[in-house]
Amino acid sequence: MLIRLYGDPVLRKVAKEIDPTSLKDEFIKEMANTMYVEDGVGLAAPQIGISERFFLYDVGEKLHLIINPQILEMSPEKEEGEEGCLSIPDIFEEVPRSLKIRVKYYDNFGKEYTRELEGYEARVFQHEFDHLNGKLFIDYISPVKKRLLKQKLNDIKKKSAEILKEIEKTAARK
């Protein structure tokens, strides 16, 4: 699986809900493997070119598969924390996130969960959830910081365009 980079239009789309039972075990394993190989903590479907509402994350205790998530409540208390993203390599910035959230989602068997998350796990969930809504962590940084990152972001966009050309060539050969 290829990680889609900043500049790829799929990263800015609002993803569609899916049938939770439609995700196959092999696909989930391959996606998880991609996340771990790339040294990620989370990976959302749009980051691999699929505009659907699901993501994976692992904050150290186990792999979580989150399908059709909703954030039901967000605490007004926020905390700044450094974030990075597999789709925006080598850029790390401070981002404010709610300290606690209450969420609802499904697993790949169609079972519904409602959970309270806090701290780092809440941060990761919010980051991955943003991907499903076409939002990236750099959208939270100041215009001044964004200007300072302009060249790096442009370089990532160029690489993204090259990856998209390769994907199109491969698809044309099939």
N, C-alpha and C. Protein backbone atom coordinates (compact mmCIF):
# COMPACT_ATOMS: atom_id res chain seq x y z
N MET A 1 0.85 -1.19 0.00
CA MET A 1 0.00 0.00 0.00
C MET A 1 0.88 1.24 0.00
N LEU A 2 0.50 2.19 -0.81
CA LEU A 2 1.23 3.46 -0.88
C LEU A 2 0.55 4.50 0.00
N ILE A 3 1.35 5.23 0.74
CA ILE A 3 0.83 6.33 1.54
C ILE A 3 0.67 7.53 0.61
N ARG A 4 -0.53 8.09 0.59
CA ARG A 4 -0.79 9.28 -0.20
C ARG A 4 -0.25 10.49 0.56
N LEU A 5 0.35 11.41 -0.19
CA LEU A 5 1.01 12.56 0.42
C LEU A 5 0.22 13.85 0.24
N TYR A 6 0.56 14.82 1.07
CA TYR A 6 -0.02 16.16 0.99
C TYR A 6 -0.04 16.61 -0.47
N GLY A 7 -1.18 17.11 -0.90
CA GLY A 7 -1.35 17.52 -2.29
C GLY A 7 -2.25 16.56 -3.05
N ASP A 8 -2.38 15.32 -2.56
CA ASP A 8 -3.27 14.35 -3.18
C ASP A 8 -4.71 14.76 -2.84
N PRO A 9 -5.57 14.92 -3.85
CA PRO A 9 -6.95 15.37 -3.59
C PRO A 9 -7.75 14.47 -2.64
N VAL A 10 -7.43 13.17 -2.59
CA VAL A 10 -8.19 12.26 -1.72
C VAL A 10 -8.08 12.67 -0.25
N LEU A 11 -6.99 13.33 0.11
CA LEU A 11 -6.79 13.75 1.51
C LEU A 11 -7.69 14.91 1.91
N ARG A 12 -8.31 15.57 0.94
CA ARG A 12 -9.17 16.71 1.24
C ARG A 12 -10.66 16.42 1.07
N LYS A 13 -10.98 15.17 0.74
CA LYS A 13 -12.38 14.78 0.56
C LYS A 13 -12.99 14.34 1.88
N VAL A 14 -14.30 14.53 2.01
CA VAL A 14 -15.03 13.97 3.14
C VAL A 14 -15.35 12.52 2.76
N ALA A 15 -14.87 11.58 3.56
CA ALA A 15 -15.01 10.16 3.26
C ALA A 15 -16.44 9.68 3.51
N LYS A 16 -16.81 8.62 2.79
CA LYS A 16 -18.16 8.05 2.88
C LYS A 16 -18.21 6.93 3.90
N GLU A 17 -19.37 6.80 4.56
CA GLU A 17 -19.59 5.69 5.49
C GLU A 17 -19.61 4.39 4.71
N ILE A 18 -19.27 3.31 5.40
CA ILE A 18 -19.23 1.99 4.77
C ILE A 18 -19.98 0.97 5.61
N ASP A 19 -20.22 -0.18 5.03
CA ASP A 19 -20.75 -1.32 5.76
C ASP A 19 -19.57 -1.86 6.58
N PRO A 20 -19.64 -1.82 7.90
CA PRO A 20 -18.51 -2.25 8.73
C PRO A 20 -18.03 -3.67 8.43
N THR A 21 -18.93 -4.54 8.01
CA THR A 21 -18.54 -5.93 7.76
C THR A 21 -17.89 -6.11 6.39
N SER A 22 -17.76 -5.04 5.61
CA SER A 22 -17.18 -5.16 4.26
C SER A 22 -15.65 -5.21 4.27
N LEU A 23 -15.03 -4.85 5.38
CA LEU A 23 -13.57 -4.87 5.44
C LEU A 23 -13.07 -6.29 5.70
N LYS A 24 -12.22 -6.77 4.82
CA LYS A 24 -11.69 -8.12 4.93
C LYS A 24 -10.46 -8.15 5.83
N ASP A 25 -10.29 -9.26 6.55
CA ASP A 25 -9.16 -9.41 7.48
C ASP A 25 -7.80 -9.19 6.80
N GLU A 26 -7.63 -9.74 5.60
CA GLU A 26 -6.35 -9.59 4.89
C GLU A 26 -6.04 -8.12 4.62
N PHE A 27 -7.07 -7.38 4.22
CA PHE A 27 -6.89 -5.95 3.94
C PHE A 27 -6.50 -5.21 5.21
N ILE A 28 -7.18 -5.50 6.31
CA ILE A 28 -6.88 -4.86 7.60
C ILE A 28 -5.44 -5.16 8.01
N LYS A 29 -5.02 -6.41 7.85
CA LYS A 29 -3.64 -6.79 8.19
C LYS A 29 -2.63 -6.03 7.32
N GLU A 30 -2.93 -5.93 6.03
CA GLU A 30 -2.02 -5.22 5.13
C GLU A 30 -1.93 -3.74 5.49
N MET A 31 -3.07 -3.15 5.82
CA MET A 31 -3.09 -1.74 6.22
C MET A 31 -2.31 -1.53 7.52
N ALA A 32 -2.52 -2.43 8.48
CA ALA A 32 -1.80 -2.34 9.76
C ALA A 32 -0.30 -2.49 9.52
N ASN A 33 0.07 -3.43 8.68
CA ASN A 33 1.48 -3.64 8.37
C ASN A 33 2.08 -2.37 7.76
N THR A 34 1.36 -1.74 6.86
CA THR A 34 1.83 -0.48 6.26
C THR A 34 2.06 0.57 7.34
N MET A 35 1.11 0.70 8.27
CA MET A 35 1.23 1.68 9.35
C MET A 35 2.48 1.39 10.19
N TYR A 36 2.68 0.13 10.57
CA TYR A 36 3.81 -0.22 11.42
C TYR A 36 5.14 -0.05 10.68
N VAL A 37 5.21 -0.47 9.42
CA VAL A 37 6.44 -0.35 8.63
C VAL A 37 6.83 1.13 8.48
N GLU A 38 5.83 1.99 8.30
CA GLU A 38 6.09 3.42 8.14
C GLU A 38 6.29 4.12 9.48
N ASP A 39 6.26 3.36 10.57
CA ASP A 39 6.46 3.88 11.93
C ASP A 39 5.36 4.87 12.33
N GLY A 40 4.13 4.56 11.91
CA GLY A 40 2.99 5.40 12.26
C GLY A 40 2.28 4.90 13.49
N VAL A 41 1.51 5.79 14.09
CA VAL A 41 0.68 5.46 15.24
C VAL A 41 -0.76 5.24 14.76
N GLY A 42 -1.11 5.86 13.64
CA GLY A 42 -2.43 5.72 13.06
C GLY A 42 -2.36 5.80 11.55
N LEU A 43 -3.40 5.29 10.90
CA LEU A 43 -3.48 5.36 9.44
C LEU A 43 -4.95 5.34 9.06
N ALA A 44 -5.37 6.40 8.36
CA ALA A 44 -6.76 6.52 7.92
C ALA A 44 -6.88 6.09 6.46
N ALA A 45 -8.04 5.58 6.10
CA ALA A 45 -8.28 5.09 4.74
C ALA A 45 -7.90 6.11 3.65
N PRO A 46 -8.24 7.41 3.80
CA PRO A 46 -7.83 8.35 2.76
C PRO A 46 -6.32 8.39 2.53
N GLN A 47 -5.54 8.07 3.54
CA GLN A 47 -4.09 8.09 3.41
C GLN A 47 -3.56 6.97 2.52
N ILE A 48 -4.42 5.99 2.23
CA ILE A 48 -4.02 4.95 1.27
C ILE A 48 -4.91 5.02 0.03
N GLY A 49 -5.55 6.18 -0.16
CA GLY A 49 -6.29 6.43 -1.39
C GLY A 49 -7.74 5.96 -1.38
N ILE A 50 -8.27 5.62 -0.22
CA ILE A 50 -9.64 5.12 -0.12
C ILE A 50 -10.48 6.14 0.66
N SER A 51 -11.45 6.74 -0.01
CA SER A 51 -12.27 7.77 0.63
C SER A 51 -13.45 7.14 1.37
N GLU A 52 -13.11 6.39 2.42
CA GLU A 52 -14.11 5.74 3.26
C GLU A 52 -13.79 6.00 4.73
N ARG A 53 -14.83 5.90 5.56
CA ARG A 53 -14.71 6.32 6.96
C ARG A 53 -14.22 5.18 7.87
N PHE A 54 -12.92 4.93 7.81
CA PHE A 54 -12.32 4.01 8.75
C PHE A 54 -10.84 4.34 8.93
N PHE A 55 -10.33 3.97 10.10
CA PHE A 55 -8.90 4.13 10.37
C PHE A 55 -8.44 3.12 11.40
N LEU A 56 -7.13 3.00 11.47
CA LEU A 56 -6.46 2.14 12.46
C LEU A 56 -5.61 3.03 13.35
N TYR A 57 -5.40 2.59 14.58
CA TYR A 57 -4.37 3.23 15.40
C TYR A 57 -3.90 2.27 16.47
N ASP A 58 -2.70 2.54 16.95
CA ASP A 58 -2.12 1.73 18.02
C ASP A 58 -1.24 2.66 18.85
N VAL A 59 -1.70 2.95 20.06
CA VAL A 59 -0.94 3.85 20.95
C VAL A 59 -0.09 3.05 21.94
N GLY A 60 0.11 1.77 21.63
CA GLY A 60 1.00 0.98 22.46
C GLY A 60 0.39 -0.24 23.10
N GLU A 61 -0.95 -0.28 23.26
CA GLU A 61 -1.50 -1.45 23.94
C GLU A 61 -2.09 -2.47 22.98
N LYS A 62 -2.68 -2.02 21.84
CA LYS A 62 -3.20 -2.94 20.82
C LYS A 62 -3.68 -2.14 19.62
N LEU A 63 -3.88 -2.85 18.53
CA LEU A 63 -4.38 -2.23 17.31
C LEU A 63 -5.89 -2.02 17.44
N HIS A 64 -6.33 -0.82 17.10
CA HIS A 64 -7.76 -0.49 17.10
C HIS A 64 -8.20 -0.25 15.66
N LEU A 65 -9.29 -0.88 15.25
CA LEU A 65 -9.92 -0.61 13.96
C LEU A 65 -11.19 0.17 14.25
N ILE A 66 -11.29 1.34 13.66
CA ILE A 66 -12.40 2.26 13.93
C ILE A 66 -13.15 2.49 12.62
N ILE A 67 -14.43 2.12 12.59
CA ILE A 67 -15.23 2.25 11.38
C ILE A 67 -16.42 3.17 11.65
N ASN A 68 -16.68 4.08 10.70
CA ASN A 68 -17.79 5.04 10.79
C ASN A 68 -17.83 5.76 12.15
N PRO A 69 -16.70 6.34 12.56
CA PRO A 69 -16.66 6.96 13.89
C PRO A 69 -17.45 8.27 13.97
N GLN A 70 -17.85 8.55 15.18
CA GLN A 70 -18.46 9.84 15.51
C GLN A 70 -17.80 10.33 16.80
N ILE A 71 -17.57 11.62 16.89
CA ILE A 71 -17.14 12.20 18.16
C ILE A 71 -18.40 12.82 18.76
N LEU A 72 -18.85 12.25 19.86
CA LEU A 72 -20.11 12.66 20.49
C LEU A 72 -19.92 13.88 21.39
N GLU A 73 -18.78 13.93 22.08
CA GLU A 73 -18.48 15.05 22.98
C GLU A 73 -16.99 15.31 22.97
N MET A 74 -16.66 16.59 23.13
CA MET A 74 -15.25 17.00 23.23
C MET A 74 -15.14 17.92 24.43
N SER A 75 -14.17 17.66 25.29
CA SER A 75 -14.00 18.53 26.45
C SER A 75 -13.54 19.91 25.98
N PRO A 76 -13.98 20.93 26.69
CA PRO A 76 -13.51 22.28 26.32
C PRO A 76 -12.02 22.47 26.65
N GLU A 77 -11.51 21.66 27.60
CA GLU A 77 -10.09 21.75 27.95
C GLU A 77 -9.27 21.17 26.81
N LYS A 78 -8.33 21.99 26.35
CA LYS A 78 -7.46 21.56 25.25
C LYS A 78 -6.02 21.55 25.71
N GLU A 79 -5.21 20.80 24.97
CA GLU A 79 -3.79 20.74 25.26
C GLU A 79 -3.03 20.77 23.94
N GLU A 80 -1.96 21.56 23.92
CA GLU A 80 -1.08 21.59 22.75
C GLU A 80 -0.19 20.36 22.80
N GLY A 81 0.04 19.76 21.65
CA GLY A 81 0.93 18.62 21.58
C GLY A 81 1.50 18.50 20.18
N GLU A 82 2.70 17.97 20.10
CA GLU A 82 3.35 17.84 18.80
C GLU A 82 2.70 16.71 17.99
N GLU A 83 2.41 17.01 16.73
CA GLU A 83 1.86 16.02 15.83
C GLU A 83 2.65 15.99 14.53
N GLY A 84 2.66 14.82 13.95
CA GLY A 84 3.20 14.62 12.62
C GLY A 84 2.21 13.76 11.87
N CYS A 85 2.52 13.43 10.62
CA CYS A 85 1.58 12.67 9.81
C CYS A 85 2.34 11.94 8.71
N LEU A 86 1.98 10.68 8.47
CA LEU A 86 2.62 9.91 7.41
C LEU A 86 2.41 10.56 6.05
N SER A 87 1.33 11.33 5.88
CA SER A 87 1.05 12.01 4.62
C SER A 87 1.77 13.35 4.48
N ILE A 88 2.39 13.80 5.57
CA ILE A 88 3.15 15.05 5.55
C ILE A 88 4.49 14.76 6.24
N PRO A 89 5.35 13.99 5.57
CA PRO A 89 6.58 13.52 6.23
C PRO A 89 7.53 14.64 6.67
N ASP A 90 8.18 14.39 7.80
CA ASP A 90 9.24 15.25 8.32
C ASP A 90 8.78 16.64 8.75
N ILE A 91 7.49 16.81 8.99
CA ILE A 91 6.98 18.07 9.53
C ILE A 91 6.25 17.74 10.84
N PHE A 92 6.61 18.45 11.89
CA PHE A 92 6.01 18.25 13.19
C PHE A 92 5.67 19.62 13.76
N GLU A 93 4.44 19.78 14.23
CA GLU A 93 3.99 21.06 14.77
C GLU A 93 3.10 20.83 15.98
N GLU A 94 3.02 21.86 16.82
CA GLU A 94 2.14 21.84 17.99
C GLU A 94 0.70 22.09 17.53
N VAL A 95 -0.21 21.22 17.99
CA VAL A 95 -1.62 21.30 17.61
C VAL A 95 -2.47 21.21 18.88
N PRO A 96 -3.46 22.10 19.03
CA PRO A 96 -4.36 22.00 20.19
C PRO A 96 -5.43 20.93 19.94
N ARG A 97 -5.67 20.08 20.91
CA ARG A 97 -6.71 19.05 20.83
C ARG A 97 -7.43 18.97 22.17
N SER A 98 -8.69 18.55 22.11
CA SER A 98 -9.44 18.33 23.35
C SER A 98 -8.78 17.21 24.15
N LEU A 99 -8.71 17.42 25.47
CA LEU A 99 -8.08 16.44 26.36
C LEU A 99 -8.90 15.15 26.47
N LYS A 100 -10.23 15.30 26.45
CA LYS A 100 -11.12 14.14 26.58
C LYS A 100 -12.17 14.19 25.48
N ILE A 101 -12.51 13.00 24.98
CA ILE A 101 -13.59 12.91 23.99
C ILE A 101 -14.42 11.66 24.27
N ARG A 102 -15.67 11.71 23.87
CA ARG A 102 -16.53 10.53 23.92
C ARG A 102 -16.86 10.20 22.48
N VAL A 103 -16.62 8.93 22.12
CA VAL A 103 -16.74 8.52 20.72
C VAL A 103 -17.64 7.30 20.56
N LYS A 104 -18.14 7.16 19.33
CA LYS A 104 -18.92 5.98 18.95
C LYS A 104 -18.37 5.49 17.62
N TYR A 105 -18.24 4.18 17.47
CA TYR A 105 -17.74 3.61 16.22
C TYR A 105 -18.12 2.13 16.15
N TYR A 106 -17.77 1.49 15.05
CA TYR A 106 -18.05 0.07 14.84
C TYR A 106 -16.75 -0.68 14.57
N ASP A 107 -16.77 -1.99 14.84
CA ASP A 107 -15.65 -2.83 14.43
C ASP A 107 -16.06 -3.54 13.13
N ASN A 108 -15.20 -4.41 12.61
CA ASN A 108 -15.48 -5.05 11.33
C ASN A 108 -16.47 -6.21 11.43
N PHE A 109 -17.01 -6.44 12.62
CA PHE A 109 -18.09 -7.42 12.79
C PHE A 109 -19.43 -6.71 12.94
N GLY A 110 -19.41 -5.37 12.87
CA GLY A 110 -20.63 -4.59 13.00
C GLY A 110 -21.00 -4.27 14.43
N LYS A 111 -20.12 -4.60 15.39
CA LYS A 111 -20.41 -4.31 16.80
C LYS A 111 -20.14 -2.83 17.08
N GLU A 112 -21.09 -2.21 17.78
CA GLU A 112 -20.98 -0.78 18.10
C GLU A 112 -20.30 -0.60 19.46
N TYR A 113 -19.45 0.44 19.53
CA TYR A 113 -18.74 0.79 20.76
C TYR A 113 -18.96 2.26 21.07
N THR A 114 -19.10 2.57 22.34
CA THR A 114 -19.07 3.96 22.81
C THR A 114 -18.00 4.00 23.89
N ARG A 115 -17.03 4.89 23.73
CA ARG A 115 -15.90 4.93 24.67
C ARG A 115 -15.54 6.37 25.01
N GLU A 116 -14.92 6.52 26.18
CA GLU A 116 -14.35 7.80 26.59
C GLU A 116 -12.84 7.67 26.42
N LEU A 117 -12.24 8.60 25.71
CA LEU A 117 -10.80 8.59 25.49
C LEU A 117 -10.21 9.86 26.07
N GLU A 118 -8.97 9.76 26.53
CA GLU A 118 -8.30 10.96 27.02
C GLU A 118 -6.82 10.92 26.71
N GLY A 119 -6.19 12.08 26.85
CA GLY A 119 -4.75 12.17 26.66
C GLY A 119 -4.32 11.84 25.24
N TYR A 120 -3.24 11.07 25.15
CA TYR A 120 -2.63 10.76 23.85
C TYR A 120 -3.58 9.99 22.94
N GLU A 121 -4.32 9.03 23.51
CA GLU A 121 -5.26 8.26 22.68
C GLU A 121 -6.33 9.18 22.09
N ALA A 122 -6.83 10.13 22.88
CA ALA A 122 -7.83 11.08 22.37
C ALA A 122 -7.22 11.94 21.26
N ARG A 123 -5.98 12.34 21.42
CA ARG A 123 -5.28 13.13 20.39
C ARG A 123 -5.18 12.34 19.08
N VAL A 124 -4.74 11.10 19.17
CA VAL A 124 -4.57 10.27 17.97
C VAL A 124 -5.93 10.06 17.28
N PHE A 125 -6.95 9.77 18.07
CA PHE A 125 -8.29 9.56 17.51
C PHE A 125 -8.74 10.81 16.76
N GLN A 126 -8.56 11.99 17.37
CA GLN A 126 -8.98 13.24 16.72
C GLN A 126 -8.20 13.49 15.43
N HIS A 127 -6.91 13.19 15.44
CA HIS A 127 -6.06 13.36 14.26
C HIS A 127 -6.57 12.48 13.11
N GLU A 128 -6.80 11.19 13.41
CA GLU A 128 -7.26 10.26 12.38
C GLU A 128 -8.68 10.59 11.93
N PHE A 129 -9.53 10.98 12.86
CA PHE A 129 -10.91 11.38 12.54
C PHE A 129 -10.90 12.57 11.57
N ASP A 130 -10.00 13.51 11.79
CA ASP A 130 -9.88 14.66 10.88
C ASP A 130 -9.62 14.20 9.45
N HIS A 131 -8.79 13.16 9.28
CA HIS A 131 -8.52 12.65 7.93
C HIS A 131 -9.80 12.26 7.21
N LEU A 132 -10.77 11.76 7.94
CA LEU A 132 -12.03 11.32 7.32
C LEU A 132 -12.88 12.51 6.88
N ASN A 133 -12.54 13.68 7.36
CA ASN A 133 -13.27 14.90 7.01
C ASN A 133 -12.45 15.84 6.14
N GLY A 134 -11.36 15.32 5.58
CA GLY A 134 -10.54 16.11 4.66
C GLY A 134 -9.70 17.17 5.35
N LYS A 135 -9.43 16.96 6.62
CA LYS A 135 -8.67 17.95 7.39
C LYS A 135 -7.31 17.37 7.79
N LEU A 136 -6.28 18.21 7.76
CA LEU A 136 -4.93 17.79 8.12
C LEU A 136 -4.44 18.60 9.31
N PHE A 137 -3.47 18.06 10.04
CA PHE A 137 -3.01 18.75 11.25
C PHE A 137 -2.43 20.12 10.95
N ILE A 138 -1.90 20.32 9.75
CA ILE A 138 -1.33 21.64 9.41
C ILE A 138 -2.42 22.70 9.26
N ASP A 139 -3.68 22.28 9.16
CA ASP A 139 -4.78 23.24 9.10
C ASP A 139 -4.96 23.98 10.42
N TYR A 140 -4.37 23.45 11.49
CA TYR A 140 -4.49 24.05 12.81
C TYR A 140 -3.37 25.04 13.13
N ILE A 141 -2.35 25.09 12.30
CA ILE A 141 -1.21 25.95 12.62
C ILE A 141 -1.43 27.35 12.07
N SER A 142 -0.71 28.31 12.62
CA SER A 142 -0.88 29.72 12.25
C SER A 142 -0.42 29.96 10.81
N PRO A 143 -0.98 30.99 10.17
CA PRO A 143 -0.55 31.35 8.81
C PRO A 143 0.96 31.64 8.74
N VAL A 144 1.52 32.20 9.79
CA VAL A 144 2.96 32.50 9.81
C VAL A 144 3.76 31.20 9.77
N LYS A 145 3.38 30.23 10.61
CA LYS A 145 4.08 28.94 10.61
C LYS A 145 3.91 28.24 9.27
N LYS A 146 2.72 28.35 8.69
CA LYS A 146 2.47 27.71 7.40
C LYS A 146 3.36 28.31 6.31
N ARG A 147 3.54 29.63 6.37
CA ARG A 147 4.42 30.29 5.39
C ARG A 147 5.85 29.80 5.54
N LEU A 148 6.28 29.59 6.80
CA LEU A 148 7.63 29.09 7.05
C LEU A 148 7.81 27.66 6.51
N LEU A 149 6.72 26.92 6.44
CA LEU A 149 6.77 25.54 5.95
C LEU A 149 6.49 25.42 4.45
N LYS A 150 6.23 26.56 3.80
CA LYS A 150 5.78 26.56 2.40
C LYS A 150 6.68 25.74 1.49
N GLN A 151 7.98 25.90 1.56
CA GLN A 151 8.89 25.17 0.67
C GLN A 151 8.83 23.67 0.92
N LYS A 152 8.84 23.28 2.20
CA LYS A 152 8.74 21.85 2.53
C LYS A 152 7.43 21.26 2.01
N LEU A 153 6.34 22.01 2.20
CA LEU A 153 5.03 21.53 1.73
C LEU A 153 4.99 21.43 0.21
N ASN A 154 5.60 22.40 -0.48
CA ASN A 154 5.67 22.35 -1.94
C ASN A 154 6.47 21.13 -2.41
N ASP A 155 7.56 20.83 -1.71
CA ASP A 155 8.36 19.65 -2.06
C ASP A 155 7.54 18.36 -1.89
N ILE A 156 6.74 18.29 -0.81
CA ILE A 156 5.89 17.12 -0.58
C ILE A 156 4.84 17.03 -1.69
N LYS A 157 4.26 18.18 -2.09
CA LYS A 157 3.27 18.19 -3.18
C LYS A 157 3.87 17.65 -4.48
N LYS A 158 5.11 18.02 -4.78
CA LYS A 158 5.78 17.54 -5.99
C LYS A 158 5.92 16.02 -5.94
N LYS A 159 6.36 15.51 -4.80
CA LYS A 159 6.51 14.06 -4.64
C LYS A 159 5.14 13.38 -4.76
N SER A 160 4.10 14.01 -4.21
CA SER A 160 2.74 13.49 -4.29
C SER A 160 2.30 13.37 -5.75
N ALA A 161 2.59 14.40 -6.55
CA ALA A 161 2.22 14.38 -7.98
C ALA A 161 2.92 13.22 -8.70
N GLU A 162 4.18 12.96 -8.34
CA GLU A 162 4.92 11.83 -8.94
C GLU A 162 4.27 10.49 -8.57
N ILE A 163 3.87 10.36 -7.31
CA ILE A 163 3.22 9.12 -6.86
C ILE A 163 1.90 8.93 -7.60
N LEU A 164 1.13 9.99 -7.75
CA LEU A 164 -0.16 9.89 -8.46
C LEU A 164 0.04 9.47 -9.91
N LYS A 165 1.09 9.98 -10.55
CA LYS A 165 1.39 9.57 -11.94
C LYS A 165 1.70 8.09 -12.01
N GLU A 166 2.48 7.59 -11.04
CA GLU A 166 2.80 6.16 -11.00
C GLU A 166 1.55 5.31 -10.79
N ILE A 167 0.67 5.77 -9.92
CA ILE A 167 -0.58 5.05 -9.65
C ILE A 167 -1.42 4.99 -10.93
N GLU A 168 -1.50 6.11 -11.65
CA GLU A 168 -2.26 6.15 -12.90
C GLU A 168 -1.66 5.23 -13.95
N LYS A 169 -0.33 5.21 -14.06
CA LYS A 169 0.34 4.32 -15.02
C LYS A 169 0.04 2.85 -14.70
N THR A 170 0.13 2.51 -13.42
CA THR A 170 -0.13 1.13 -12.99
C THR A 170 -1.57 0.75 -13.28
N ALA A 171 -2.50 1.67 -13.00
CA ALA A 171 -3.92 1.40 -13.25
C ALA A 171 -4.20 1.24 -14.74
N ALA A 172 -3.51 2.02 -15.58
CA ALA A 172 -3.71 1.95 -17.03
C ALA A 172 -3.22 0.61 -17.59
N ARG A 173 -2.21 0.01 -16.96
CA ARG A 173 -1.66 -1.27 -17.43
C ARG A 173 -2.55 -2.46 -17.08
N LYS A 174 -3.43 -2.28 -16.10
CA LYS A 174 -4.28 -3.40 -15.65
C LYS A 174 -5.44 -3.63 -16.59
